[in-house]
Each structure stands twice: as structure tokens, then as C-alpha cells.
Protein backbone atom coordinates (compact mmCIF):
# COMPACT_ATOMS: atom_id res chain seq x y z
CA MET A 1 87.38 96.21 48.16
CA ALA A 2 87.93 96.98 51.86
CA THR A 3 89.39 100.13 53.38
CA LEU A 4 89.69 98.70 56.93
CA GLN A 5 89.89 102.09 58.60
CA GLY A 6 89.55 101.43 62.35
CA HIS A 7 89.41 97.66 61.80
CA SER A 8 91.00 95.51 64.52
CA ILE A 9 92.44 92.10 63.74
CA LEU A 10 91.82 91.06 67.36
CA PHE A 11 88.26 92.25 67.96
CA ASP A 12 86.73 92.34 64.46
CA ALA A 13 85.87 89.55 62.05
CA PRO A 14 88.59 88.24 59.67
CA ILE A 15 88.71 90.12 56.37
CA GLY A 16 89.66 87.21 54.10
CA ASP A 17 91.73 87.46 50.92
CA HIS A 18 90.25 90.64 49.50
CA PRO A 19 92.11 93.59 47.96
CA ILE A 20 92.65 96.40 50.44
CA HIS A 21 92.47 100.10 49.61
CA LEU A 22 94.98 102.12 51.65
CA GLY A 23 94.04 105.54 50.31
CA GLU A 24 95.76 107.84 47.80
CA ASN A 25 95.33 105.22 45.06
CA GLN A 26 97.35 102.67 47.05
CA ILE A 27 96.01 99.11 46.86
CA ILE A 28 97.49 95.83 48.09
CA GLU A 29 96.39 92.38 46.97
CA ASN A 30 95.40 91.12 50.44
CA ILE A 31 96.52 91.21 54.05
CA ASN A 32 98.76 88.16 53.60
CA VAL A 33 101.34 90.20 51.69
CA ILE A 34 101.97 92.17 54.91
CA TYR A 35 101.75 89.50 57.61
CA ASN A 36 100.17 86.17 58.51
CA PRO A 37 96.78 87.13 60.02
CA ARG A 38 96.37 83.83 61.89
CA THR A 39 99.72 84.18 63.64
CA MET A 40 99.09 87.83 64.46
CA ARG A 41 95.61 87.17 65.84
CA ALA A 42 96.80 84.18 67.90
CA CYS A 43 99.63 86.16 69.51
CA LEU A 44 97.30 89.04 70.36
CA GLN A 45 94.70 86.67 71.81
CA LEU A 46 97.31 84.97 73.99
CA TYR A 47 98.55 88.36 75.15
CA MET A 48 95.00 89.36 76.09
CA ILE A 49 94.60 86.14 78.13
CA VAL A 50 97.85 86.91 79.96
CA LEU A 51 96.59 90.42 80.74
CA ILE A 52 93.50 88.92 82.36
CA GLY A 53 95.76 86.63 84.41
CA GLN A 54 97.79 89.63 85.56
CA TYR A 55 94.60 91.39 86.59
CA ILE A 56 93.46 88.43 88.71
CA LEU A 57 96.83 87.93 90.37
CA SER A 58 97.17 91.62 91.19
CA PHE A 59 94.24 91.16 93.60
CA SER A 60 95.22 87.72 94.83
CA SER A 61 98.69 88.80 95.82
CA VAL A 62 97.72 91.56 98.18
CA PRO A 63 95.55 90.67 100.42
CA PHE A 64 94.53 94.19 101.33
CA ASP A 65 94.91 93.83 105.09
CA ASP A 66 98.21 94.56 106.80
CA VAL A 67 100.64 91.64 106.70
CA GLU A 68 103.49 91.57 109.15
CA ASN A 69 107.03 91.21 107.72
CA ARG A 70 105.86 91.37 104.12
CA PRO A 71 108.21 93.38 101.86
CA SER A 72 106.63 96.67 100.84
CA ILE A 73 107.70 96.08 97.24
CA CYS A 74 105.15 93.25 97.03
CA VAL A 75 102.28 95.68 97.61
CA LEU A 76 103.81 98.19 95.19
CA THR A 77 104.14 95.49 92.52
CA SER A 78 100.49 94.47 92.96
CA ILE A 79 99.30 98.07 92.61
CA TYR A 80 101.53 98.62 89.56
CA SER A 81 100.24 95.37 87.98
CA LEU A 82 96.68 96.62 88.34
CA LEU A 83 97.53 99.98 86.77
CA MET A 84 99.56 98.23 84.07
CA PHE A 85 96.59 96.03 83.19
CA CYS A 86 94.34 99.08 82.80
CA ALA A 87 96.88 100.84 80.57
CA CYS A 88 97.68 97.81 78.40
CA ALA A 89 94.01 96.86 78.06
CA CYS A 90 93.21 100.39 76.86
CA LEU A 91 96.10 100.35 74.39
CA LEU A 92 95.32 96.90 72.97
CA PRO A 93 92.43 97.92 70.65
CA PHE A 94 94.61 100.64 69.09
CA ALA A 95 97.70 98.43 68.91
CA SER A 96 95.81 95.64 67.13
CA SER A 97 94.97 97.65 64.01
CA THR A 98 94.57 95.35 61.01
CA ILE A 99 96.56 97.70 58.81
CA PRO A 100 99.81 98.46 60.67
CA THR A 101 100.53 102.12 61.31
CA ILE A 102 103.20 104.08 63.13
CA SER A 103 100.68 104.77 65.90
CA SER A 104 99.70 101.12 66.39
CA ASN A 105 103.36 100.15 66.45
CA ARG A 106 104.05 102.86 69.04
CA TYR A 107 101.16 101.68 71.24
CA MET A 108 102.53 98.14 71.27
CA LEU A 109 106.00 99.42 72.16
CA ILE A 110 104.51 101.35 75.08
CA SER A 111 102.75 98.19 76.23
CA SER A 112 106.04 96.27 76.05
CA SER A 113 107.79 98.97 78.07
CA LEU A 114 105.12 98.79 80.78
CA GLN A 115 105.43 95.01 80.84
CA PHE A 116 109.20 95.26 81.19
CA ILE A 117 108.90 97.55 84.21
CA GLY A 118 106.35 95.18 85.74
CA LEU A 119 108.70 92.27 85.15
CA LEU A 120 111.55 94.00 86.96
CA LEU A 121 109.29 94.78 89.93
CA SER A 122 108.01 91.22 89.97
CA ILE A 123 111.54 89.78 90.00
CA LEU A 124 112.49 92.00 92.91
CA SER A 125 109.30 91.12 94.79
CA SER A 126 109.84 87.39 94.29
CA VAL A 127 113.42 87.51 95.53
CA LEU A 128 112.48 89.46 98.65
CA ALA A 129 109.39 87.36 99.35
CA LEU A 130 111.32 84.08 99.08
CA ASN A 131 113.94 85.43 101.47
CA SER A 132 111.29 86.59 103.96
CA SER A 133 109.81 84.43 106.69
CA ASN A 134 107.16 84.66 109.39
CA MET A 135 104.71 86.77 107.40
CA TYR A 136 101.48 86.97 109.37
CA SER A 137 98.05 88.44 108.81
CA TYR A 138 95.67 89.36 111.61
CA ASP A 139 91.93 88.75 111.48
CA TYR A 140 89.75 90.57 113.96
CA ASP A 141 86.69 88.75 115.31
CA SER A 142 84.03 91.30 116.21
CA ASN A 143 82.09 88.75 118.29
CA THR A 144 84.91 87.86 120.65
CA GLY A 145 86.84 91.09 120.30
CA LYS A 146 90.05 89.15 119.68
CA SER A 147 92.47 88.97 116.76
CA SER A 148 93.76 85.73 115.29
CA LYS A 149 97.24 85.42 113.87
CA ASN A 150 97.61 83.50 110.57
CA ASP A 151 100.85 82.49 108.87
CA VAL A 152 100.58 83.56 105.21
CA THR A 153 104.24 83.13 104.27
CA ILE A 154 103.67 80.24 101.87
CA TYR A 155 100.62 81.92 100.36
CA ILE A 156 102.44 85.15 99.58
CA GLN A 157 105.49 83.34 98.22
CA VAL A 158 103.40 81.15 95.92
CA ILE A 159 101.29 84.06 94.65
CA THR A 160 104.37 86.25 94.14
CA CYS A 161 106.16 83.54 92.15
CA SER A 162 102.99 82.88 90.13
CA SER A 163 102.80 86.59 89.33
CA LEU A 164 106.42 86.47 88.19
CA ALA A 165 105.67 83.60 85.82
CA VAL A 166 102.67 85.44 84.37
CA ASN A 167 104.65 88.68 84.02
CA VAL A 168 107.43 86.85 82.19
CA THR A 169 104.81 85.46 79.80
CA GLY A 170 103.19 88.90 79.44
CA PHE A 171 106.47 90.57 78.56
CA PHE A 172 107.32 87.76 76.12
CA PHE A 173 104.05 88.10 74.18
CA SER A 174 104.15 91.90 74.26
CA LEU A 175 107.67 91.74 72.81
CA ILE A 176 106.61 89.21 70.16
CA ASN A 177 103.65 91.42 69.20
CA SER A 178 105.92 94.47 69.02
CA LEU A 179 108.31 92.64 66.69
CA LEU A 180 105.43 91.40 64.52
CA ALA A 181 103.94 94.90 64.35
CA SER A 182 107.30 96.42 63.43
CA GLN A 183 107.93 93.82 60.73
CA SER A 184 104.40 94.24 59.35
CA LEU A 185 104.85 98.00 59.08
CA ARG A 186 108.19 97.48 57.34
CA ASN A 187 106.61 95.03 54.88
CA LEU A 188 103.81 97.49 54.13
CA ASN A 189 106.23 100.35 53.51
CA ASN A 190 108.33 98.16 51.22
CA LYS A 191 105.23 97.09 49.31
CA ILE A 192 104.10 100.68 48.79
CA THR A 193 107.62 101.82 47.85
CA ARG A 194 108.02 99.07 45.24
CA LYS A 195 104.65 99.91 43.69
CA SER A 196 105.51 103.63 43.55
CA GLN A 197 108.85 102.88 41.91
CA SER A 198 107.16 100.57 39.42
CA LYS A 199 104.65 103.28 38.46
CA ASN A 200 107.42 105.86 38.03
CA GLU A 201 109.42 103.51 35.81
CA THR A 202 106.35 102.84 33.68
CA PHE A 203 105.64 106.57 33.40
CA ASN A 204 109.24 107.31 32.41
CA GLU A 205 109.35 104.55 29.80
CA PHE A 206 106.20 105.76 28.05
CA PRO A 207 107.64 109.07 26.67
CA ARG A 208 110.79 107.26 25.52
CA SER A 209 108.84 104.71 23.52
CA LEU A 210 106.61 107.45 22.15
CA SER A 211 109.59 109.54 21.01
CA LYS A 212 111.06 106.54 19.20
CA GLU A 213 107.82 106.02 17.31
CA VAL A 214 107.71 109.71 16.35
CA ALA A 215 111.31 109.58 15.16
CA LYS A 216 110.59 106.54 13.01
CA SER A 217 107.60 108.29 11.41
CA TYR A 218 109.76 111.28 10.40
CA MET A 219 112.44 109.02 8.99
CA ALA A 220 109.93 107.07 6.90
């Protein structure tokens, strides 16, 4: 019988169809009575892949040299995406607890909120970048002592729109995982509540049946 304290459905091995001890004499048949582990693991894995994509694009969308006529919000969005990746990546191990808890549900909601803010910034950046033109970067050649002017308008527009697509996907999977975590916690609470009610009913019925037997013995 497994306790699964600190077990992660995303990073640890599958637990199979074994009874699970929740503590305080609470036991459930297996994890399938709370949620579908394959669906939960797949959604978390896809979300982790999207986070890696956001991390890569946060660097690709800068570049870190000054770009003429580039909206400042594009740089801000790239910096926020990098910070968002760090925060969501740190929250993911705690949010992917095999046994759903209030804390794991809260961590996933925080991740969804961060993704939503990133999505709003990405939409604004994409709109401004698509409406901007003549964005140039300057490369300095130390040998000749001259600077070359490069048109990076298409590059920035493509990278910004790609970041928007990835951020939409990231928010979608974070929202799906939040809904799954919330539903799993609700199913667990309902399962525990039904078992507690069943035990109380059994305990209350026992004295009644015993009193009937005692009454029959006196009447005999």
C-alpha cells in the first residue's frame, strides 16, 4: 500500500492500480477513482514542453543589441517570458503532486495566472510589432571601425508572432491542468466524504440492531 507523500505524477514512476493510504485511516482503492493518470501526465508533459519553447523564444525574440524602431513592449515581453518560465518551472514539481492537495491546486492556478499575463503582453507586442516598420539593428565591425545597418523587421515580427502562438498554447495547457487539478481535488474530497458518511451510518446502525436483540431476549 502506497502513501505517495511527495510523489509527482510528472517526474516519478507510475504507481499502478494499488491502494493508496491518505493518512488518518483514509484509504482509496487506486488513483483512477480520482482522475485518469494517463491524461493528467500527458497534459503536464505537454505543458512542460511548451515552457521549454517559451524559454527558447524569450532569447530569440530579443536580440540583446539595440534595435531601432522596435516597440519597447517587445523587450519587456521577452524579459517577462524568461521570468515566467523560471517561476512556472519551479512551481511545476509542486503542482504535479500525484495526490491532489489544496497547495498543488493553488500552485497550478498561480502558473495559469502568470501565463495569462504573459499572453496579454504577447498579444500587445504582436500587434505593435506587426504595425511597426523599418526596424534596424546595427553591427559594429572592430576591424574597419564601421557599423552595418541590418533590417530585422521581418525577423522580429516572425519571432513575436511565434511567441504569441506558444504563449496561447502555454495558457491553454496551464488552464487545462488547473481544471484537471481542481476536479481531481473535488473527486478526492467527495470520495473521502462518502466513506466517512458510510462509516458513521454503519456505526449508528450497530447500537440499534444490538438494542433490538437485547429487547427480544428480555421478551423471550
